[in-house]
PDB file of N, CA and C in Angstrom:
ATOM      1  N   MET A   1      13.585 -16.416  34.923  1.00  0.00           N
ATOM      2  CA  MET A   1      13.216 -16.577  34.669  1.00  0.00           C
ATOM      3  C   MET A   1      13.807 -15.602  33.608  1.00  0.00           C
ATOM      4  N   THR A   2      14.438 -16.190  32.038  1.00  0.00           N
ATOM      5  CA  THR A   2      15.334 -16.115  31.532  1.00  0.00           C
ATOM      6  C   THR A   2      14.326 -14.540  30.739  1.00  0.00           C
ATOM      7  N   ASP A   3      15.557 -14.566  29.328  1.00  0.00           N
ATOM      8  CA  ASP A   3      15.071 -13.356  28.870  1.00  0.00           C
ATOM      9  C   ASP A   3      14.064 -13.736  28.107  1.00  0.00           C
ATOM     10  N   SER A   4      14.205 -14.591  26.761  1.00  0.00           N
ATOM     11  CA  SER A   4      13.117 -15.041  26.662  1.00  0.00           C
ATOM     12  C   SER A   4      12.424 -15.383  26.499  1.00  0.00           C
ATOM     13  N   GLU A   5      12.105 -16.048  27.329  1.00  0.00           N
ATOM     14  CA  GLU A   5      10.745 -16.420  28.560  1.00  0.00           C
ATOM     15  C   GLU A   5       9.731 -15.436  28.601  1.00  0.00           C
ATOM     16  N   LEU A   6      10.601 -14.169  29.490  1.00  0.00           N
ATOM     17  CA  LEU A   6      10.125 -12.928  29.447  1.00  0.00           C
ATOM     18  C   LEU A   6       9.408 -11.790  28.224  1.00  0.00           C
ATOM     19  N   LEU A   7      10.214 -12.494  27.553  1.00  0.00           N
ATOM     20  CA  LEU A   7       9.668 -12.367  26.634  1.00  0.00           C
ATOM     21  C   LEU A   7       8.543 -12.668  25.099  1.00  0.00           C
ATOM     22  N   GLN A   8       8.566 -13.841  25.287  1.00  0.00           N
ATOM     23  CA  GLN A   8       7.383 -15.250  25.442  1.00  0.00           C
ATOM     24  C   GLN A   8       6.375 -14.013  25.862  1.00  0.00           C
ATOM     25  N   THR A   9       6.452 -14.179  27.708  1.00  0.00           N
ATOM     26  CA  THR A   9       5.069 -14.393  27.866  1.00  0.00           C
ATOM     27  C   THR A   9       5.019 -12.867  27.734  1.00  0.00           C
ATOM     28  N   ILE A  10       5.192 -11.829  27.637  1.00  0.00           N
ATOM     29  CA  ILE A  10       5.372 -10.305  26.873  1.00  0.00           C
ATOM     30  C   ILE A  10       4.620  -9.870  25.884  1.00  0.00           C
ATOM     31  N   SER A  11       5.145 -11.052  24.527  1.00  0.00           N
ATOM     32  CA  SER A  11       4.067 -11.756  23.778  1.00  0.00           C
ATOM     33  C   SER A  11       2.886 -11.864  23.911  1.00  0.00           C
ATOM     34  N   ASP A  12       2.597 -12.981  24.609  1.00  0.00           N
ATOM     35  CA  ASP A  12       1.043 -13.978  24.487  1.00  0.00           C
ATOM     36  C   ASP A  12       0.520 -12.647  25.623  1.00  0.00           C
ATOM     37  N   LEU A  13       0.948 -11.989  26.376  1.00  0.00           N
ATOM     38  CA  LEU A  13       0.269 -11.026  27.050  1.00  0.00           C
ATOM     39  C   LEU A  13      -0.705  -9.799  25.837  1.00  0.00           C
ATOM     40  N   LEU A  14       0.290  -9.797  24.971  1.00  0.00           N
ATOM     41  CA  LEU A  14       0.207  -8.662  24.096  1.00  0.00           C
ATOM     42  C   LEU A  14      -0.776  -8.914  22.923  1.00  0.00           C
ATOM     43  N   ASP A  15      -0.943 -10.224  22.492  1.00  0.00           N
ATOM     44  CA  ASP A  15      -1.355 -11.072  21.586  1.00  0.00           C
ATOM     45  C   ASP A  15      -2.819 -11.328  22.369  1.00  0.00           C
ATOM     46  N   GLN A  16      -2.773 -11.124  23.742  1.00  0.00           N
ATOM     47  CA  GLN A  16      -4.663 -11.153  24.194  1.00  0.00           C
ATOM     48  C   GLN A  16      -5.158 -10.479  23.974  1.00  0.00           C
ATOM     49  N   LYS A  17      -4.376  -9.715  24.647  1.00  0.00           N
ATOM     50  CA  LYS A  17      -4.622  -7.837  24.000  1.00  0.00           C
ATOM     51  C   LYS A  17      -5.259  -6.672  22.989  1.00  0.00           C
ATOM     52  N   LEU A  18      -4.036  -7.536  22.063  1.00  0.00           N
ATOM     53  CA  LEU A  18      -4.454  -6.792  20.554  1.00  0.00           C
ATOM     54  C   LEU A  18      -5.237  -7.647  19.794  1.00  0.00           C
ATOM     55  N   GLN A  19      -5.727  -8.858  20.349  1.00  0.00           N
ATOM     56  CA  GLN A  19      -6.438  -9.466  19.689  1.00  0.00           C
ATOM     57  C   GLN A  19      -8.184  -9.842  19.967  1.00  0.00           C
ATOM     58  N   PRO A  20      -8.651  -9.104  20.747  1.00  0.00           N
ATOM     59  CA  PRO A  20     -10.584  -8.275  20.495  1.00  0.00           C
ATOM     60  C   PRO A  20     -10.383  -7.123  19.871  1.00  0.00           C
ATOM     61  N   ILE A  21      -9.653  -6.338  19.358  1.00  0.00           N
ATOM     62  CA  ILE A  21      -8.661  -5.261  18.284  1.00  0.00           C
ATOM     63  C   ILE A  21      -8.659  -5.464  17.384  1.00  0.00           C
ATOM     64  N   LYS A  22      -8.165  -6.264  17.350  1.00  0.00           N
ATOM     65  CA  LYS A  22      -8.046  -7.227  15.578  1.00  0.00           C
ATOM     66  C   LYS A  22      -9.622  -7.807  15.228  1.00  0.00           C
ATOM     67  N   ASP A  23     -10.221  -8.392  16.210  1.00  0.00           N
ATOM     68  CA  ASP A  23     -11.434  -8.731  15.669  1.00  0.00           C
ATOM     69  C   ASP A  23     -11.963  -7.695  15.070  1.00  0.00           C
ATOM     70  N   GLU A  24     -12.302  -7.105  15.889  1.00  0.00           N
ATOM     71  CA  GLU A  24     -13.833  -5.362  16.502  1.00  0.00           C
ATOM     72  C   GLU A  24     -13.218  -5.098  14.682  1.00  0.00           C
ATOM     73  N   LEU A  25     -11.260  -4.492  14.104  1.00  0.00           N
ATOM     74  CA  LEU A  25     -11.377  -3.653  13.373  1.00  0.00           C
ATOM     75  C   LEU A  25     -11.844  -5.132  11.921  1.00  0.00           C
ATOM     76  N   GLY A  26     -11.797  -6.297  12.213  1.00  0.00           N
ATOM     77  CA  GLY A  26     -12.451  -6.756  10.926  1.00  0.00           C
ATOM     78  C   GLY A  26     -13.995  -6.536  10.824  1.00  0.00           C
ATOM     79  N   ILE A  27     -14.297  -6.353  11.753  1.00  0.00           N
ATOM     80  CA  ILE A  27     -16.008  -6.118  11.421  1.00  0.00           C
ATOM     81  C   ILE A  27     -16.189  -4.737  10.698  1.00  0.00           C
ATOM     82  N   VAL A  28     -14.727  -3.680  11.573  1.00  0.00           N
ATOM     83  CA  VAL A  28     -15.811  -2.158  10.869  1.00  0.00           C
ATOM     84  C   VAL A  28     -15.017  -2.349   9.247  1.00  0.00           C
ATOM     85  N   GLN A  29     -13.808  -3.017   8.614  1.00  0.00           N
ATOM     86  CA  GLN A  29     -13.448  -2.951   7.206  1.00  0.00           C
ATOM     87  C   GLN A  29     -14.407  -3.771   7.247  1.00  0.00           C
ATOM     88  N   ARG A  30     -15.132  -4.561   7.295  1.00  0.00           N
ATOM     89  CA  ARG A  30     -16.112  -5.540   6.519  1.00  0.00           C
ATOM     90  C   ARG A  30     -17.452  -4.509   6.791  1.00  0.00           C
ATOM     91  N   ASP A  31     -18.118  -3.487   7.897  1.00  0.00           N
ATOM     92  CA  ASP A  31     -19.163  -2.899   8.129  1.00  0.00           C
ATOM     93  C   ASP A  31     -18.957  -1.359   6.764  1.00  0.00           C
ATOM     94  N   VAL A  32     -17.370  -0.963   6.864  1.00  0.00           N
ATOM     95  CA  VAL A  32     -16.849   0.339   5.800  1.00  0.00           C
ATOM     96  C   VAL A  32     -17.071  -0.568   3.894  1.00  0.00           C
ATOM     97  N   LYS A  33     -16.531  -1.370   3.962  1.00  0.00           N
ATOM     98  CA  LYS A  33     -16.751  -2.000   2.824  1.00  0.00           C
ATOM     99  C   LYS A  33     -18.385  -2.454   2.291  1.00  0.00           C
ATOM    100  N   HIS A  34     -19.062  -2.454   3.147  1.00  0.00           N
ATOM    101  CA  HIS A  34     -20.701  -2.801   2.609  1.00  0.00           C
ATOM    102  C   HIS A  34     -21.259  -1.519   2.844  1.00  0.00           C
ATOM    103  N   LEU A  35     -20.751  -0.257   3.306  1.00  0.00           N
ATOM    104  CA  LEU A  35     -21.324   1.106   3.595  1.00  0.00           C
ATOM    105  C   LEU A  35     -21.059   1.384   2.159  1.00  0.00           C
ATOM    106  N   LYS A  36     -19.782   1.424   1.644  1.00  0.00           N
ATOM    107  CA  LYS A  36     -18.927   1.610   0.234  1.00  0.00           C
ATOM    108  C   LYS A  36     -20.550   1.469  -0.817  1.00  0.00           C
ATOM    109  N   LYS A  37     -20.525   0.001  -1.061  1.00  0.00           N
ATOM    110  CA  LYS A  37     -21.729  -0.272  -2.238  1.00  0.00           C
ATOM    111  C   LYS A  37     -22.853   0.133  -1.891  1.00  0.00           C
ATOM    112  N   GLU A  38     -23.070   0.576  -0.742  1.00  0.00           N
ATOM    113  CA  GLU A  38     -24.587   1.105  -0.276  1.00  0.00           C
ATOM    114  C   GLU A  38     -24.025   2.210  -0.909  1.00  0.00           C
ATOM    115  N   ALA A  39     -23.074   3.206  -0.951  1.00  0.00           N
ATOM    116  CA  ALA A  39     -22.888   4.531  -1.421  1.00  0.00           C
ATOM    117  C   ALA A  39     -23.253   4.691  -2.388  1.00  0.00           C
ATOM    118  N   ILE A  40     -22.700   2.893  -3.422  1.00  0.00           N
ATOM    119  CA  ILE A  40     -22.666   3.610  -4.992  1.00  0.00           C
ATOM    120  C   ILE A  40     -23.774   3.229  -5.531  1.00  0.00           C
ATOM    121  N   LYS A  41     -24.759   2.404  -4.718  1.00  0.00           N
ATOM    122  CA  LYS A  41     -25.997   2.193  -5.491  1.00  0.00           C
ATOM    123  C   LYS A  41     -26.797   3.328  -5.347  1.00  0.00           C
ATOM    124  N   MET A  42     -27.095   3.848  -3.810  1.00  0.00           N
ATOM    125  CA  MET A  42     -27.465   5.350  -3.343  1.00  0.00           C
ATOM    126  C   MET A  42     -27.037   6.657  -4.432  1.00  0.00           C
ATOM    127  N   GLN A  43     -25.323   6.653  -4.687  1.00  0.00           N
ATOM    128  CA  GLN A  43     -25.131   7.634  -5.712  1.00  0.00           C
ATOM    129  C   GLN A  43     -26.177   6.939  -8.045  1.00  0.00           C
ATOM    130  N   ALA A  44     -26.356   6.318  -8.142  1.00  0.00           N
ATOM    131  CA  ALA A  44     -26.325   5.201  -9.143  1.00  0.00           C
ATOM    132  C   ALA A  44     -28.004   6.049  -9.056  1.00  0.00           C
ATOM    133  N   ILE A  45     -28.694   6.163  -8.208  1.00  0.00           N
ATOM    134  CA  ILE A  45     -29.917   6.144  -8.760  1.00  0.00           C
ATOM    135  C   ILE A  45     -30.766   7.144  -8.635  1.00  0.00           C
ATOM    136  N   ASP A  46     -29.754   7.907  -7.518  1.00  0.00           N
ATOM    137  CA  ASP A  46     -29.461   9.736  -7.504  1.00  0.00           C
ATOM    138  C   ASP A  46     -29.746  10.311  -8.918  1.00  0.00           C
ATOM    139  N   GLU A  47     -28.556   9.737  -9.511  1.00  0.00           N
ATOM    140  CA  GLU A  47     -28.172  10.279 -11.229  1.00  0.00           C
ATOM    141  C   GLU A  47     -29.521   9.700 -11.972  1.00  0.00           C
ATOM    142  N   ALA A  48     -29.823   8.357 -10.917  1.00  0.00           N
ATOM    143  CA  ALA A  48     -31.705   8.229 -12.457  1.00  0.00           C
ATOM    144  C   ALA A  48     -32.555   9.272 -12.719  1.00  0.00           C
ATOM    145  N   ILE A  49     -32.431   9.008 -11.331  1.00  0.00           N
ATOM    146  CA  ILE A  49     -33.582  10.677 -10.351  1.00  0.00           C
ATOM    147  C   ILE A  49     -33.173  11.896 -11.553  1.00  0.00           C
ATOM    148  N   LEU A  50     -31.963  12.932 -11.167  1.00  0.00           N
ATOM    149  CA  LEU A  50     -31.624  13.656 -11.382  1.00  0.00           C
ATOM    150  C   LEU A  50     -31.932  13.519 -13.535  1.00  0.00           C
ATOM    151  N   ASP A  51     -31.400  12.706 -14.307  1.00  0.00           N
ATOM    152  CA  ASP A  51     -32.326  12.612 -15.132  1.00  0.00           C
ATOM    153  C   ASP A  51     -33.179  12.247 -15.823  1.00  0.00           C
ATOM    154  N   GLU A  52     -34.126  12.218 -15.260  1.00  0.00           N
ATOM    155  CA  GLU A  52     -35.380  12.088 -15.173  1.00  0.00           C
ATOM    156  C   GLU A  52     -36.420  13.453 -15.074  1.00  0.00           C
ATOM    157  N   VAL A  53     -35.415  13.842 -13.908  1.00  0.00           N
ATOM    158  CA  VAL A  53     -35.983  15.269 -13.620  1.00  0.00           C
ATOM    159  C   VAL A  53     -35.831  15.676 -15.047  1.00  0.00           C
ATOM    160  N   GLU A  54     -34.020  16.260 -15.205  1.00  0.00           N
ATOM    161  CA  GLU A  54     -34.002  16.850 -16.708  1.00  0.00           C
ATOM    162  C   GLU A  54     -34.645  16.115 -18.370  1.00  0.00           C
ATOM    163  N   ARG A  55     -34.829  15.507 -17.875  1.00  0.00           N
ATOM    164  CA  ARG A  55     -35.571  15.126 -19.137  1.00  0.00           C
ATOM    165  C   ARG A  55     -37.034  15.191 -19.120  1.00  0.00           C
ATOM    166  N   VAL A  56     -38.037  15.494 -17.920  1.00  0.00           N
ATOM    167  CA  VAL A  56     -39.561  16.271 -17.718  1.00  0.00           C
ATOM    168  C   VAL A  56     -39.160  17.330 -17.977  1.00  0.00           C
ATOM    169  N   HIS A  57     -38.016  17.918 -17.591  1.00  0.00           N
ATOM    170  CA  HIS A  57     -37.399  19.413 -18.013  1.00  0.00           C
ATOM    171  C   HIS A  57     -37.876  20.004 -18.980  1.00  0.00           C
ATOM    172  N   GLU A  58     -36.914  18.710 -19.496  1.00  0.00           N
ATOM    173  CA  GLU A  58     -37.196  19.744 -21.184  1.00  0.00           C
ATOM    174  C   GLU A  58     -37.892  19.343 -22.343  1.00  0.00           C
ATOM    175  N   ILE A  59     -38.843  18.467 -21.161  1.00  0.00           N
ATOM    176  CA  ILE A  59     -40.723  18.027 -22.160  1.00  0.00           C
ATOM    177  C   ILE A  59     -41.504  19.228 -21.704  1.00  0.00           C
ATOM    178  N   LEU A  60     -41.063  20.307 -20.474  1.00  0.00           N
ATOM    179  CA  LEU A  60     -41.578  20.995 -20.430  1.00  0.00           C
ATOM    180  C   LEU A  60     -41.897  22.402 -21.257  1.00  0.00           C
ATOM    181  N   ASP A  61     -40.281  22.886 -20.575  1.00  0.00           N
ATOM    182  CA  ASP A  61     -39.840  23.920 -21.811  1.00  0.00           C
ATOM    183  C   ASP A  61     -40.124  23.685 -23.613  1.00  0.00           C
ATOM    184  N   LYS A  62     -39.997  22.904 -24.197  1.00  0.00           N
ATOM    185  CA  LYS A  62     -40.509  22.570 -24.788  1.00  0.00           C
ATOM    186  C   LYS A  62     -41.888  22.818 -25.663  1.00  0.00           C
ATOM    187  N   HIS A  63     -42.800  22.446 -24.534  1.00  0.00           N
ATOM    188  CA  HIS A  63     -44.427  22.380 -24.364  1.00  0.00           C
ATOM    189  C   HIS A  63     -44.402  24.158 -24.025  1.00  0.00           C
ATOM    190  N   LYS A  64     -43.829  24.802 -23.432  1.00  0.00           N
ATOM    191  CA  LYS A  64     -44.090  25.998 -22.920  1.00  0.00           C
ATOM    192  C   LYS A  64     -43.830  27.481 -24.242  1.00  0.00           C
ATOM    193  N   ALA A  65     -42.782  26.703 -24.841  1.00  0.00           N
ATOM    194  CA  ALA A  65     -42.246  27.358 -25.901  1.00  0.00           C
ATOM    195  C   ALA A  65     -43.376  27.453 -28.026  1.00  0.00           C
ATOM    196  N   ASP A  66     -44.121  26.294 -27.115  1.00  0.00           N
ATOM    197  CA  ASP A  66     -44.927  25.476 -28.067  1.00  0.00           C
ATOM    198  C   ASP A  66     -46.624  26.593 -27.953  1.00  0.00           C
ATOM    199  N   LYS A  67     -46.349  27.576 -28.559  1.00  0.00           N
ATOM    200  CA  LYS A  67     -47.775  28.494 -28.721  1.00  0.00           C
ATOM    201  C   LYS A  67     -49.308  28.408 -29.477  1.00  0.00           C
ATOM    202  N   THR A  68     -48.965  27.314 -30.165  1.00  0.00           N
ATOM    203  CA  THR A  68     -49.575  27.104 -30.686  1.00  0.00           C
ATOM    204  C   THR A  68     -50.909  26.193 -30.121  1.00  0.00           C
ATOM    205  N   VAL A  69     -50.428  25.307 -28.943  1.00  0.00           N
ATOM    206  CA  VAL A  69     -50.970  24.681 -27.791  1.00  0.00           C
ATOM    207  C   VAL A  69     -51.411  25.380 -26.819  1.00  0.00           C
ATOM    208  N   HIS A  70     -51.542  26.959 -26.203  1.00  0.00           N
ATOM    209  CA  HIS A  70     -52.061  27.837 -25.071  1.00  0.00           C
ATOM    210  C   HIS A  70     -52.825  28.710 -25.933  1.00  0.00           C
ATOM    211  N   THR A  71     -54.345  28.053 -26.570  1.00  0.00           N
ATOM    212  CA  THR A  71     -54.964  29.179 -27.702  1.00  0.00           C
ATOM    213  C   THR A  71     -56.048  28.813 -25.370  1.00  0.00           C
ATOM    214  N   ALA A  72     -56.116  30.023 -25.855  1.00  0.00           N
ATOM    215  CA  ALA A  72     -57.797  30.490 -24.578  1.00  0.00           C
ATOM    216  C   ALA A  72     -59.015  31.305 -25.475  1.00  0.00           C
TER     217      ALA A  72
END
């Protein structure tokens, strides 16, 4: 077996061994991309909820400060 044949055989074996890893890496990259999109969506929802809580809190503070509505 010549050196070039040996190198080709080794190269083919490495390709066979590495292909499943490459395939798995592609799946992981796709999953990470999906998770990033989901994280961005969740962050937007969290911000919307916090904005609403802040808005309601301001309304309640104004109501508490208006002593004319608290008659007993």
